[in-house]
């Protein structure tokens, strides 16, 4: 079966599993797609299980401007053939938080160059590059937990800056990564606390918010 036939079969399965109520609910929550069948994630994963991982198929699925196809692309893309420049192209094409979260979980965190690439992304001025960078770092922290001192300093600088001045999604992504960082050890929690010391009575509302957020996370 060639790639075109595989895509056709996948779309047929998606249409059979489509859920208009879920699709409408997503639109109401701001998750807008050119085409969204409303297929739930367990069913998408079930469809993916019927196919071997394939670079050609995954790239073709990603190019389809369809929610479920992009999710399937992240599930079916082999890590070995996913070059760094292709990762940048995919992130450039991400337009909403659902695809960012799922692609980071299903693909980006597993890339051998994920640490370096995620740091390059969080240094970008583009919203979803930052989002994917912080979400990937959060995933890596769940697996490894710590960083080299130089990387840690860069991460904390960028994450604090993103929390204070980033968009809604960037702030949430950076806070997710910071949460994973401080959950790893008391030492790391202490190092973050030192970074925000003095913000409690800051004239900046965002700095006071960050201070309160860290305080609650560390107490928890």
N, C-alpha and C. Protein backbone atom coordinates (compact mmCIF):
# COMPACT_ATOMS: atom_id res chain seq x y z
N UNK A 1 0.84 -1.19 0.00
CA UNK A 1 0.00 0.00 0.00
C UNK A 1 0.88 1.25 0.00
N UNK A 2 0.68 2.14 -0.99
CA UNK A 2 1.51 3.34 -1.04
C UNK A 2 0.98 4.40 -0.08
N UNK A 3 1.72 5.50 0.00
CA UNK A 3 1.38 6.54 0.99
C UNK A 3 0.00 7.14 0.72
N UNK A 4 -0.33 7.37 -0.55
CA UNK A 4 -1.64 7.96 -0.86
C UNK A 4 -2.77 7.05 -0.40
N UNK A 5 -2.60 5.75 -0.59
CA UNK A 5 -3.63 4.81 -0.15
C UNK A 5 -3.73 4.77 1.37
N UNK A 6 -2.58 4.85 2.04
CA UNK A 6 -2.58 4.87 3.50
C UNK A 6 -3.31 6.11 4.03
N UNK A 7 -3.04 7.26 3.43
CA UNK A 7 -3.71 8.50 3.83
C UNK A 7 -5.22 8.38 3.61
N UNK A 8 -5.59 7.82 2.48
CA UNK A 8 -7.02 7.64 2.17
C UNK A 8 -7.68 6.74 3.20
N UNK A 9 -7.02 5.64 3.55
CA UNK A 9 -7.58 4.72 4.54
C UNK A 9 -7.69 5.38 5.92
N UNK A 10 -6.67 6.16 6.27
CA UNK A 10 -6.68 6.84 7.56
C UNK A 10 -7.84 7.83 7.62
N UNK A 11 -8.03 8.58 6.56
CA UNK A 11 -9.13 9.56 6.54
C UNK A 11 -10.49 8.86 6.63
N UNK A 12 -10.60 7.69 6.01
CA UNK A 12 -11.85 6.93 6.10
C UNK A 12 -12.11 6.52 7.54
N UNK A 13 -11.07 6.04 8.22
CA UNK A 13 -11.22 5.66 9.63
C UNK A 13 -11.58 6.86 10.51
N UNK A 14 -11.00 8.00 10.19
CA UNK A 14 -11.29 9.21 10.96
C UNK A 14 -12.73 9.64 10.76
N UNK A 15 -13.21 9.56 9.55
CA UNK A 15 -14.61 9.96 9.28
C UNK A 15 -15.58 9.03 10.01
N UNK A 16 -15.25 7.75 10.06
CA UNK A 16 -16.12 6.79 10.74
C UNK A 16 -16.14 7.03 12.25
N UNK A 17 -15.05 7.60 12.76
CA UNK A 17 -14.94 7.83 14.21
C UNK A 17 -15.23 9.27 14.60
N UNK A 18 -15.65 10.09 13.66
CA UNK A 18 -15.81 11.52 13.92
C UNK A 18 -16.87 11.77 14.98
N UNK A 19 -16.63 12.83 15.75
CA UNK A 19 -17.53 13.20 16.85
C UNK A 19 -17.77 14.70 16.78
N UNK A 20 -18.91 15.07 16.26
CA UNK A 20 -19.23 16.48 16.07
C UNK A 20 -19.30 17.27 17.37
N UNK A 21 -19.78 16.63 18.42
CA UNK A 21 -19.90 17.31 19.71
C UNK A 21 -18.53 17.68 20.26
N UNK A 22 -17.57 16.76 20.13
CA UNK A 22 -16.21 17.03 20.60
C UNK A 22 -15.58 18.14 19.78
N UNK A 23 -15.77 18.09 18.47
CA UNK A 23 -15.23 19.11 17.58
C UNK A 23 -15.78 20.48 17.93
N UNK A 24 -17.09 20.56 18.18
CA UNK A 24 -17.72 21.83 18.54
C UNK A 24 -17.19 22.34 19.87
N UNK A 25 -17.01 21.43 20.82
CA UNK A 25 -16.49 21.81 22.14
C UNK A 25 -15.09 22.40 22.02
N UNK A 26 -14.26 21.81 21.16
CA UNK A 26 -12.91 22.32 20.95
C UNK A 26 -12.94 23.71 20.36
N UNK A 27 -13.81 23.95 19.41
CA UNK A 27 -13.91 25.28 18.81
C UNK A 27 -14.30 26.31 19.86
N UNK A 28 -15.23 25.93 20.72
CA UNK A 28 -15.67 26.84 21.78
C UNK A 28 -14.55 27.16 22.77
N UNK A 29 -13.59 26.22 22.90
CA UNK A 29 -12.47 26.43 23.81
C UNK A 29 -11.28 27.09 23.12
N UNK A 30 -11.45 27.45 21.86
CA UNK A 30 -10.40 28.16 21.15
C UNK A 30 -9.46 27.28 20.35
N UNK A 31 -9.73 25.98 20.28
CA UNK A 31 -8.89 25.08 19.49
C UNK A 31 -9.46 25.01 18.08
N UNK A 32 -8.98 25.91 17.24
CA UNK A 32 -9.53 26.04 15.89
C UNK A 32 -8.62 25.34 14.88
N UNK A 33 -9.22 24.50 14.06
CA UNK A 33 -8.51 23.80 12.99
C UNK A 33 -9.26 24.02 11.68
N UNK A 34 -8.55 23.91 10.57
CA UNK A 34 -9.22 23.97 9.28
C UNK A 34 -10.21 22.83 9.17
N UNK A 35 -9.79 21.64 9.65
CA UNK A 35 -10.68 20.48 9.68
C UNK A 35 -10.41 19.68 10.93
N UNK A 36 -11.46 19.39 11.68
CA UNK A 36 -11.35 18.66 12.94
C UNK A 36 -12.49 17.66 13.01
N UNK A 37 -12.13 16.37 12.98
CA UNK A 37 -13.16 15.33 13.05
C UNK A 37 -13.65 15.10 14.48
N UNK A 38 -12.95 15.67 15.46
CA UNK A 38 -13.36 15.46 16.85
C UNK A 38 -13.10 14.06 17.37
N UNK A 39 -12.17 13.35 16.73
CA UNK A 39 -11.86 11.99 17.17
C UNK A 39 -11.05 12.05 18.46
N UNK A 40 -11.44 11.25 19.44
CA UNK A 40 -10.78 11.29 20.74
C UNK A 40 -9.42 10.58 20.68
N UNK A 41 -8.53 10.99 21.58
CA UNK A 41 -7.14 10.53 21.53
C UNK A 41 -6.97 9.01 21.57
N UNK A 42 -7.71 8.27 22.43
CA UNK A 42 -7.53 6.81 22.43
C UNK A 42 -7.80 6.19 21.06
N UNK A 43 -8.79 6.71 20.35
CA UNK A 43 -9.11 6.18 19.02
C UNK A 43 -8.01 6.55 18.02
N UNK A 44 -7.46 7.76 18.14
CA UNK A 44 -6.35 8.16 17.26
C UNK A 44 -5.16 7.24 17.47
N UNK A 45 -4.85 6.94 18.73
CA UNK A 45 -3.73 6.04 19.03
C UNK A 45 -4.01 4.64 18.50
N UNK A 46 -5.26 4.24 18.55
CA UNK A 46 -5.65 2.92 18.03
C UNK A 46 -5.44 2.87 16.51
N UNK A 47 -5.79 3.94 15.83
CA UNK A 47 -5.57 4.00 14.38
C UNK A 47 -4.07 3.96 14.08
N UNK A 48 -3.29 4.69 14.86
CA UNK A 48 -1.83 4.71 14.65
C UNK A 48 -1.22 3.33 14.82
N UNK A 49 -1.77 2.55 15.74
CA UNK A 49 -1.22 1.21 16.00
C UNK A 49 -1.35 0.27 14.80
N UNK A 50 -2.18 0.64 13.86
CA UNK A 50 -2.37 -0.20 12.68
C UNK A 50 -1.36 0.08 11.57
N UNK A 51 -0.41 0.97 11.83
CA UNK A 51 0.58 1.35 10.82
C UNK A 51 1.98 1.29 11.40
N UNK A 52 2.93 0.87 10.56
CA UNK A 52 4.33 0.92 10.95
C UNK A 52 4.80 2.37 10.94
N UNK A 53 5.74 2.71 11.80
CA UNK A 53 6.30 4.06 11.77
C UNK A 53 6.95 4.29 10.42
N UNK A 54 6.70 5.45 9.86
CA UNK A 54 7.18 5.74 8.51
C UNK A 54 7.42 7.23 8.35
N UNK A 55 8.62 7.59 7.94
CA UNK A 55 8.95 8.99 7.73
C UNK A 55 8.07 9.58 6.62
N UNK A 56 7.92 8.85 5.54
CA UNK A 56 7.14 9.35 4.41
C UNK A 56 5.68 9.56 4.80
N UNK A 57 5.11 8.58 5.49
CA UNK A 57 3.71 8.69 5.89
C UNK A 57 3.53 9.82 6.90
N UNK A 58 4.42 9.92 7.87
CA UNK A 58 4.30 10.96 8.89
C UNK A 58 4.40 12.35 8.28
N UNK A 59 5.34 12.54 7.34
CA UNK A 59 5.49 13.85 6.71
C UNK A 59 4.25 14.20 5.89
N UNK A 60 3.67 13.21 5.23
CA UNK A 60 2.46 13.46 4.44
C UNK A 60 1.28 13.80 5.36
N UNK A 61 1.18 13.12 6.48
CA UNK A 61 0.10 13.41 7.44
C UNK A 61 0.25 14.80 8.02
N UNK A 62 1.48 15.19 8.34
CA UNK A 62 1.69 16.52 8.93
C UNK A 62 1.26 17.62 7.97
N UNK A 63 1.46 17.42 6.69
CA UNK A 63 1.10 18.44 5.70
C UNK A 63 -0.40 18.58 5.53
N UNK A 64 -1.15 17.58 5.95
CA UNK A 64 -2.61 17.68 5.91
C UNK A 64 -3.06 18.66 7.00
N UNK A 65 -3.87 19.62 6.64
CA UNK A 65 -4.32 20.62 7.62
C UNK A 65 -5.53 20.09 8.38
N UNK A 66 -5.30 18.95 9.04
CA UNK A 66 -6.36 18.25 9.76
C UNK A 66 -5.84 17.89 11.15
N UNK A 67 -6.59 18.18 12.17
CA UNK A 67 -6.15 17.94 13.55
C UNK A 67 -5.63 16.52 13.74
N UNK A 68 -6.45 15.55 13.41
CA UNK A 68 -6.10 14.16 13.69
C UNK A 68 -4.89 13.70 12.89
N UNK A 69 -4.72 14.22 11.69
CA UNK A 69 -3.56 13.84 10.88
C UNK A 69 -2.27 14.35 11.51
N UNK A 70 -2.30 15.56 12.06
CA UNK A 70 -1.10 16.08 12.71
C UNK A 70 -0.76 15.29 13.97
N UNK A 71 -1.76 14.88 14.71
CA UNK A 71 -1.50 14.06 15.90
C UNK A 71 -0.92 12.71 15.48
N UNK A 72 -1.48 12.12 14.45
CA UNK A 72 -0.98 10.84 13.95
C UNK A 72 0.46 10.97 13.43
N UNK A 73 0.77 12.12 12.84
CA UNK A 73 2.13 12.33 12.32
C UNK A 73 3.15 12.22 13.44
N UNK A 74 2.86 12.84 14.59
CA UNK A 74 3.77 12.75 15.73
C UNK A 74 3.91 11.35 16.27
N UNK A 75 2.86 10.56 16.15
CA UNK A 75 2.89 9.18 16.63
C UNK A 75 3.63 8.25 15.67
N UNK A 76 3.61 8.58 14.39
CA UNK A 76 4.16 7.67 13.38
C UNK A 76 5.53 8.08 12.83
N UNK A 77 6.03 9.24 13.24
CA UNK A 77 7.33 9.70 12.75
C UNK A 77 8.48 8.98 13.46
N UNK A 78 9.34 8.28 12.72
CA UNK A 78 10.51 7.65 13.35
C UNK A 78 11.49 8.73 13.83
N UNK A 79 12.06 8.53 14.98
CA UNK A 79 13.01 9.48 15.54
C UNK A 79 14.26 9.58 14.67
N UNK A 80 14.71 8.43 14.15
CA UNK A 80 15.99 8.36 13.44
C UNK A 80 16.05 9.26 12.21
N UNK A 81 14.94 9.45 11.53
CA UNK A 81 14.95 10.22 10.29
C UNK A 81 14.41 11.63 10.45
N UNK A 82 14.14 12.03 11.69
CA UNK A 82 13.57 13.35 11.95
C UNK A 82 14.70 14.33 12.24
N UNK A 83 15.19 14.96 11.21
CA UNK A 83 16.35 15.84 11.33
C UNK A 83 15.98 17.17 12.01
N UNK A 84 16.96 17.84 12.63
CA UNK A 84 16.68 19.09 13.35
C UNK A 84 15.98 20.15 12.51
N UNK A 85 16.34 20.26 11.25
CA UNK A 85 15.71 21.27 10.42
C UNK A 85 14.23 20.95 10.17
N UNK A 86 13.90 19.65 10.15
CA UNK A 86 12.49 19.27 9.99
C UNK A 86 11.72 19.61 11.26
N UNK A 87 12.35 19.43 12.41
CA UNK A 87 11.71 19.79 13.67
C UNK A 87 11.32 21.27 13.67
N UNK A 88 12.22 22.11 13.18
CA UNK A 88 11.93 23.55 13.11
C UNK A 88 10.75 23.83 12.18
N UNK A 89 10.70 23.12 11.08
CA UNK A 89 9.61 23.30 10.11
C UNK A 89 8.28 22.92 10.76
N UNK A 90 8.27 21.83 11.50
CA UNK A 90 7.03 21.40 12.16
C UNK A 90 6.58 22.44 13.19
N UNK A 91 7.51 22.91 14.01
CA UNK A 91 7.13 23.89 15.04
C UNK A 91 6.61 25.17 14.38
N UNK A 92 7.22 25.56 13.29
CA UNK A 92 6.76 26.75 12.56
C UNK A 92 5.31 26.60 12.13
N UNK A 93 4.89 25.37 11.93
CA UNK A 93 3.54 25.08 11.42
C UNK A 93 2.51 24.89 12.54
N UNK A 94 2.95 24.85 13.79
CA UNK A 94 2.02 24.63 14.92
C UNK A 94 1.26 25.91 15.22
N UNK A 95 -0.06 25.78 15.35
CA UNK A 95 -0.91 26.94 15.55
C UNK A 95 -1.74 26.90 16.83
N UNK A 96 -1.72 25.79 17.55
CA UNK A 96 -2.49 25.76 18.80
C UNK A 96 -1.84 24.86 19.83
N UNK A 97 -2.27 25.02 21.05
CA UNK A 97 -1.60 24.38 22.18
C UNK A 97 -1.78 22.87 22.20
N UNK A 98 -2.89 22.36 21.69
CA UNK A 98 -3.10 20.91 21.70
C UNK A 98 -2.04 20.20 20.87
N UNK A 99 -1.81 20.69 19.67
CA UNK A 99 -0.81 20.05 18.80
C UNK A 99 0.58 20.23 19.39
N UNK A 100 0.85 21.37 20.00
CA UNK A 100 2.15 21.58 20.65
C UNK A 100 2.37 20.55 21.76
N UNK A 101 1.39 20.40 22.63
CA UNK A 101 1.53 19.48 23.76
C UNK A 101 1.70 18.04 23.30
N UNK A 102 0.87 17.62 22.35
CA UNK A 102 0.90 16.22 21.91
C UNK A 102 2.16 15.90 21.11
N UNK A 103 2.62 16.84 20.29
CA UNK A 103 3.83 16.58 19.49
C UNK A 103 5.06 16.54 20.39
N UNK A 104 5.09 17.40 21.41
CA UNK A 104 6.20 17.34 22.37
C UNK A 104 6.20 16.01 23.11
N UNK A 105 5.02 15.55 23.49
CA UNK A 105 4.92 14.31 24.24
C UNK A 105 5.23 13.09 23.37
N UNK A 106 4.69 13.06 22.17
CA UNK A 106 4.81 11.87 21.32
C UNK A 106 6.09 11.80 20.51
N UNK A 107 6.73 12.95 20.27
CA UNK A 107 7.89 12.95 19.39
C UNK A 107 9.08 13.76 19.91
N UNK A 108 8.88 15.04 20.16
CA UNK A 108 10.03 15.92 20.43
C UNK A 108 10.87 15.47 21.62
N UNK A 109 10.24 15.02 22.69
CA UNK A 109 11.02 14.63 23.87
C UNK A 109 11.93 13.43 23.61
N UNK A 110 11.64 12.66 22.59
CA UNK A 110 12.40 11.44 22.30
C UNK A 110 13.57 11.67 21.34
N UNK A 111 13.67 12.87 20.79
CA UNK A 111 14.73 13.15 19.83
C UNK A 111 16.09 13.19 20.50
N UNK A 112 17.12 12.62 19.88
CA UNK A 112 18.45 12.61 20.50
C UNK A 112 19.02 14.01 20.72
N UNK A 113 18.57 14.96 19.92
CA UNK A 113 19.04 16.34 20.03
C UNK A 113 18.04 17.23 20.78
N UNK A 114 17.08 16.62 21.47
CA UNK A 114 16.02 17.37 22.15
C UNK A 114 16.56 18.43 23.12
N UNK A 115 17.56 18.12 23.96
CA UNK A 115 18.03 19.16 24.89
C UNK A 115 18.52 20.42 24.19
N UNK A 116 19.40 20.26 23.20
CA UNK A 116 19.93 21.43 22.50
C UNK A 116 18.84 22.16 21.72
N UNK A 117 17.98 21.40 21.06
CA UNK A 117 16.93 22.03 20.26
C UNK A 117 15.93 22.77 21.13
N UNK A 118 15.58 22.22 22.27
CA UNK A 118 14.61 22.88 23.15
C UNK A 118 15.16 24.20 23.67
N UNK A 119 16.46 24.25 23.95
CA UNK A 119 17.05 25.51 24.41
C UNK A 119 17.09 26.54 23.29
N UNK A 120 17.29 26.09 22.07
CA UNK A 120 17.24 27.02 20.93
C UNK A 120 15.83 27.57 20.77
N UNK A 121 14.84 26.72 20.98
CA UNK A 121 13.45 27.16 20.84
C UNK A 121 13.04 28.18 21.91
N UNK A 122 13.45 27.96 23.16
CA UNK A 122 13.02 28.90 24.20
C UNK A 122 13.68 30.27 24.05
N UNK A 123 14.76 30.32 23.27
CA UNK A 123 15.42 31.60 23.01
C UNK A 123 14.80 32.34 21.83
N UNK A 124 13.84 31.70 21.15
CA UNK A 124 13.18 32.31 20.00
C UNK A 124 12.19 33.39 20.46
N UNK A 125 11.87 34.29 19.56
CA UNK A 125 10.85 35.30 19.85
C UNK A 125 9.47 34.82 19.40
N UNK A 126 9.41 33.66 18.76
CA UNK A 126 8.14 33.16 18.25
C UNK A 126 7.41 32.34 19.33
N UNK A 127 6.12 32.59 19.45
CA UNK A 127 5.34 32.01 20.54
C UNK A 127 5.43 30.50 20.62
N UNK A 128 5.11 29.80 19.54
CA UNK A 128 5.05 28.34 19.64
C UNK A 128 6.42 27.67 19.64
N UNK A 129 7.45 28.38 19.20
CA UNK A 129 8.80 27.86 19.40
C UNK A 129 9.10 27.85 20.90
N UNK A 130 8.75 28.94 21.59
CA UNK A 130 8.96 28.99 23.02
C UNK A 130 8.12 27.93 23.74
N UNK A 131 6.86 27.83 23.35
CA UNK A 131 5.96 26.85 23.96
C UNK A 131 6.53 25.44 23.83
N UNK A 132 6.91 25.06 22.61
CA UNK A 132 7.44 23.71 22.39
C UNK A 132 8.77 23.51 23.11
N UNK A 133 9.57 24.55 23.18
CA UNK A 133 10.83 24.44 23.91
C UNK A 133 10.61 24.14 25.38
N UNK A 134 9.75 24.92 26.02
CA UNK A 134 9.51 24.71 27.45
C UNK A 134 8.79 23.39 27.72
N UNK A 135 7.84 23.01 26.86
CA UNK A 135 7.14 21.74 27.06
C UNK A 135 8.09 20.56 26.88
N UNK A 136 9.02 20.67 25.94
CA UNK A 136 9.99 19.60 25.75
C UNK A 136 10.94 19.51 26.93
N UNK A 137 11.39 20.67 27.43
CA UNK A 137 12.25 20.68 28.62
C UNK A 137 11.52 20.07 29.81
N UNK A 138 10.24 20.38 29.95
CA UNK A 138 9.46 19.80 31.05
C UNK A 138 9.45 18.27 30.96
N UNK A 139 9.30 17.76 29.75
CA UNK A 139 9.31 16.30 29.55
C UNK A 139 10.68 15.71 29.87
N UNK A 140 11.73 16.40 29.46
CA UNK A 140 13.09 15.92 29.74
C UNK A 140 13.38 15.94 31.23
N UNK A 141 12.89 16.96 31.92
CA UNK A 141 13.08 17.04 33.36
C UNK A 141 12.35 15.91 34.09
N UNK A 142 11.23 15.48 33.55
CA UNK A 142 10.50 14.36 34.15
C UNK A 142 11.34 13.08 34.07
N UNK A 143 12.17 12.97 33.03
CA UNK A 143 12.98 11.76 32.85
C UNK A 143 14.33 11.85 33.56
N UNK A 144 14.97 13.02 33.49
CA UNK A 144 16.32 13.16 34.03
C UNK A 144 16.35 13.97 35.33
N UNK A 145 15.61 15.05 35.35
CA UNK A 145 15.44 15.79 36.59
C UNK A 145 16.38 16.94 36.82
N UNK A 146 17.62 16.85 36.34
CA UNK A 146 18.56 17.93 36.61
C UNK A 146 19.25 18.36 35.31
N UNK A 147 20.08 19.40 35.42
CA UNK A 147 20.80 19.95 34.27
C UNK A 147 22.22 20.30 34.69
N UNK A 148 23.06 20.47 33.68
CA UNK A 148 24.37 21.02 33.95
C UNK A 148 24.21 22.46 34.43
N UNK A 149 25.11 22.96 35.28
CA UNK A 149 24.97 24.32 35.83
C UNK A 149 24.73 25.41 34.79
N UNK A 150 25.48 25.36 33.70
CA UNK A 150 25.33 26.40 32.67
C UNK A 150 23.95 26.32 32.03
N UNK A 151 23.50 25.11 31.73
CA UNK A 151 22.17 24.94 31.14
C UNK A 151 21.09 25.35 32.12
N UNK A 152 21.30 25.01 33.39
CA UNK A 152 20.32 25.37 34.42
C UNK A 152 20.16 26.88 34.51
N UNK A 153 21.27 27.61 34.51
CA UNK A 153 21.20 29.07 34.59
C UNK A 153 20.47 29.66 33.39
N UNK A 154 20.75 29.13 32.21
CA UNK A 154 20.08 29.63 31.01
C UNK A 154 18.59 29.32 31.08
N UNK A 155 18.26 28.10 31.51
CA UNK A 155 16.85 27.71 31.61
C UNK A 155 16.09 28.62 32.57
N UNK A 156 16.66 28.85 33.76
CA UNK A 156 15.98 29.67 34.75
C UNK A 156 15.82 31.11 34.25
N UNK A 157 16.85 31.64 33.61
CA UNK A 157 16.75 32.99 33.05
C UNK A 157 15.60 33.09 32.04
N UNK A 158 15.57 32.13 31.13
CA UNK A 158 14.56 32.16 30.07
C UNK A 158 13.17 31.88 30.61
N UNK A 159 13.06 30.93 31.54
CA UNK A 159 11.74 30.56 32.07
C UNK A 159 11.14 31.69 32.89
N UNK A 160 11.96 32.34 33.71
CA UNK A 160 11.47 33.46 34.51
C UNK A 160 11.03 34.61 33.61
N UNK A 161 11.84 34.90 32.59
CA UNK A 161 11.50 35.94 31.64
C UNK A 161 10.20 35.62 30.91
N UNK A 162 10.03 34.35 30.52
CA UNK A 162 8.82 33.94 29.82
C UNK A 162 7.60 34.03 30.72
N UNK A 163 7.77 33.66 31.98
CA UNK A 163 6.66 33.75 32.92
C UNK A 163 6.22 35.20 33.10
N UNK A 164 7.18 36.11 33.14
CA UNK A 164 6.89 37.51 33.41
C UNK A 164 6.37 38.27 32.20
N UNK A 165 6.81 37.88 31.02
CA UNK A 165 6.47 38.71 29.86
C UNK A 165 5.90 37.94 28.67
N UNK A 166 5.79 36.63 28.79
CA UNK A 166 5.33 35.84 27.66
C UNK A 166 3.82 35.86 27.48
N UNK A 167 3.36 35.32 26.36
CA UNK A 167 1.93 35.17 26.12
C UNK A 167 1.34 34.17 27.11
N UNK A 168 0.04 34.04 27.08
CA UNK A 168 -0.65 33.11 27.98
C UNK A 168 -0.09 31.70 27.86
N UNK A 169 0.06 31.20 26.63
CA UNK A 169 0.54 29.83 26.43
C UNK A 169 2.02 29.69 26.78
N UNK A 170 2.81 30.73 26.50
CA UNK A 170 4.23 30.69 26.86
C UNK A 170 4.39 30.68 28.37
N UNK A 171 3.62 31.50 29.06
CA UNK A 171 3.68 31.53 30.52
C UNK A 171 3.31 30.16 31.10
N UNK A 172 2.26 29.56 30.59
CA UNK A 172 1.86 28.24 31.09
C UNK A 172 2.92 27.18 30.82
N UNK A 173 3.52 27.23 29.63
CA UNK A 173 4.55 26.25 29.29
C UNK A 173 5.78 26.43 30.16
N UNK A 174 6.17 27.68 30.39
CA UNK A 174 7.34 27.93 31.24
C UNK A 174 7.08 27.51 32.67
N UNK A 175 5.86 27.73 33.16
CA UNK A 175 5.53 27.33 34.53
C UNK A 175 5.51 25.81 34.66
N UNK A 176 5.10 25.12 33.59
CA UNK A 176 5.14 23.65 33.60
C UNK A 176 6.57 23.16 33.74
N UNK A 177 7.48 23.77 32.98
CA UNK A 177 8.89 23.38 33.06
C UNK A 177 9.49 23.73 34.43
N UNK A 178 9.16 24.91 34.96
CA UNK A 178 9.66 25.30 36.28
C UNK A 178 9.14 24.35 37.36
N UNK A 179 7.90 23.92 37.21
CA UNK A 179 7.33 22.98 38.20
C UNK A 179 8.11 21.67 38.20
N UNK A 180 8.42 21.16 37.02
CA UNK A 180 9.20 19.91 36.94
C UNK A 180 10.59 20.11 37.52
N UNK A 181 11.14 21.29 37.33
CA UNK A 181 12.48 21.59 37.84
C UNK A 181 12.51 21.55 39.36
N UNK A 182 11.56 22.21 40.00
CA UNK A 182 11.60 22.28 41.47
C UNK A 182 11.10 20.99 42.12
N UNK A 183 10.36 20.19 41.38
CA UNK A 183 9.89 18.91 41.93
C UNK A 183 11.01 17.90 42.06
N UNK A 184 12.10 18.10 41.32
CA UNK A 184 13.17 17.11 41.31
C UNK A 184 13.92 17.05 42.62
N UNK A 185 14.20 18.20 43.23
CA UNK A 185 14.96 18.19 44.48
C UNK A 185 14.77 19.50 45.24
N UNK A 186 15.02 19.45 46.54
CA UNK A 186 14.96 20.65 47.36
C UNK A 186 16.02 21.65 46.93
N UNK A 187 17.17 21.16 46.49
CA UNK A 187 18.25 22.05 46.06
C UNK A 187 17.80 22.88 44.86
N UNK A 188 17.13 22.23 43.92
CA UNK A 188 16.68 22.97 42.75
C UNK A 188 15.57 23.95 43.12
N UNK A 189 14.70 23.54 44.02
CA UNK A 189 13.65 24.45 44.48
C UNK A 189 14.28 25.67 45.14
N UNK A 190 15.33 25.43 45.93
CA UNK A 190 16.02 26.53 46.62
C UNK A 190 16.66 27.49 45.62
N UNK A 191 17.25 26.92 44.56
CA UNK A 191 17.91 27.77 43.57
C UNK A 191 16.91 28.67 42.84
N UNK A 192 15.70 28.15 42.59
CA UNK A 192 14.68 28.99 41.98
C UNK A 192 14.21 30.06 42.97
N UNK A 193 14.06 29.67 44.23
CA UNK A 193 13.62 30.64 45.24
C UNK A 193 14.60 31.80 45.35
N UNK A 194 15.88 31.50 45.23
CA UNK A 194 16.88 32.56 45.29
C UNK A 194 16.73 33.53 44.12
N UNK A 195 16.31 32.98 42.97
CA UNK A 195 16.16 33.82 41.78
C UNK A 195 15.02 34.83 41.94
N UNK A 196 13.99 34.46 42.68
CA UNK A 196 12.82 35.34 42.76
C UNK A 196 12.75 36.06 44.12
N UNK A 197 13.80 35.90 44.92
CA UNK A 197 13.85 36.58 46.21
C UNK A 197 13.76 38.10 46.01
N UNK A 198 12.87 38.73 46.72
CA UNK A 198 12.70 40.17 46.57
C UNK A 198 11.51 40.57 45.72
N UNK A 199 10.91 39.58 45.04
CA UNK A 199 9.76 39.89 44.18
C UNK A 199 8.45 39.99 44.97
N UNK A 200 8.46 39.56 46.20
CA UNK A 200 7.21 39.54 46.99
C UNK A 200 6.57 40.93 47.06
N UNK A 201 7.39 41.94 47.22
CA UNK A 201 6.88 43.31 47.35
C UNK A 201 7.23 44.17 46.14
N UNK A 202 7.42 43.52 45.01
CA UNK A 202 7.77 44.23 43.79
C UNK A 202 6.63 45.14 43.33
N UNK A 203 7.00 46.20 42.63
CA UNK A 203 5.98 47.08 42.04
C UNK A 203 5.33 46.44 40.82
N UNK A 204 5.94 45.35 40.32
CA UNK A 204 5.42 44.64 39.16
C UNK A 204 4.43 43.56 39.60
N UNK A 205 3.23 43.64 39.08
CA UNK A 205 2.23 42.64 39.41
C UNK A 205 2.65 41.25 38.96
N UNK A 206 3.31 41.17 37.79
CA UNK A 206 3.75 39.88 37.28
C UNK A 206 4.82 39.27 38.18
N UNK A 207 5.71 40.09 38.71
CA UNK A 207 6.74 39.57 39.61
C UNK A 207 6.13 39.08 40.92
N UNK A 208 5.15 39.80 41.41
CA UNK A 208 4.47 39.35 42.64
C UNK A 208 3.73 38.05 42.38
N UNK A 209 3.14 37.93 41.19
CA UNK A 209 2.44 36.69 40.83
C UNK A 209 3.41 35.52 40.76
N UNK A 210 4.58 35.74 40.16
CA UNK A 210 5.59 34.69 40.08
C UNK A 210 6.05 34.28 41.48
N UNK A 211 6.30 35.25 42.32
CA UNK A 211 6.72 34.95 43.70
C UNK A 211 5.67 34.10 44.40
N UNK A 212 4.41 34.46 44.29
CA UNK A 212 3.34 33.71 44.94
C UNK A 212 3.21 32.32 44.36
N UNK A 213 3.37 32.21 43.05
CA UNK A 213 3.26 30.90 42.39
C UNK A 213 4.36 29.96 42.87
N UNK A 214 5.60 30.47 42.91
CA UNK A 214 6.72 29.65 43.38
C UNK A 214 6.52 29.24 44.83
N UNK A 215 6.09 30.17 45.64
CA UNK A 215 5.85 29.89 47.06
C UNK A 215 4.84 28.75 47.23
N UNK A 216 3.77 28.81 46.47
CA UNK A 216 2.74 27.76 46.56
C UNK A 216 3.26 26.43 46.04
N UNK A 217 4.01 26.46 44.95
CA UNK A 217 4.56 25.21 44.39
C UNK A 217 5.55 24.57 45.34
N UNK A 218 6.43 25.37 45.95
CA UNK A 218 7.43 24.84 46.86
C UNK A 218 6.76 24.31 48.12
N UNK A 219 5.74 25.01 48.62
CA UNK A 219 5.02 24.54 49.80
C UNK A 219 4.30 23.23 49.54
N UNK A 220 3.76 23.12 48.31
CA UNK A 220 3.04 21.91 47.95
C UNK A 220 3.97 20.70 47.88
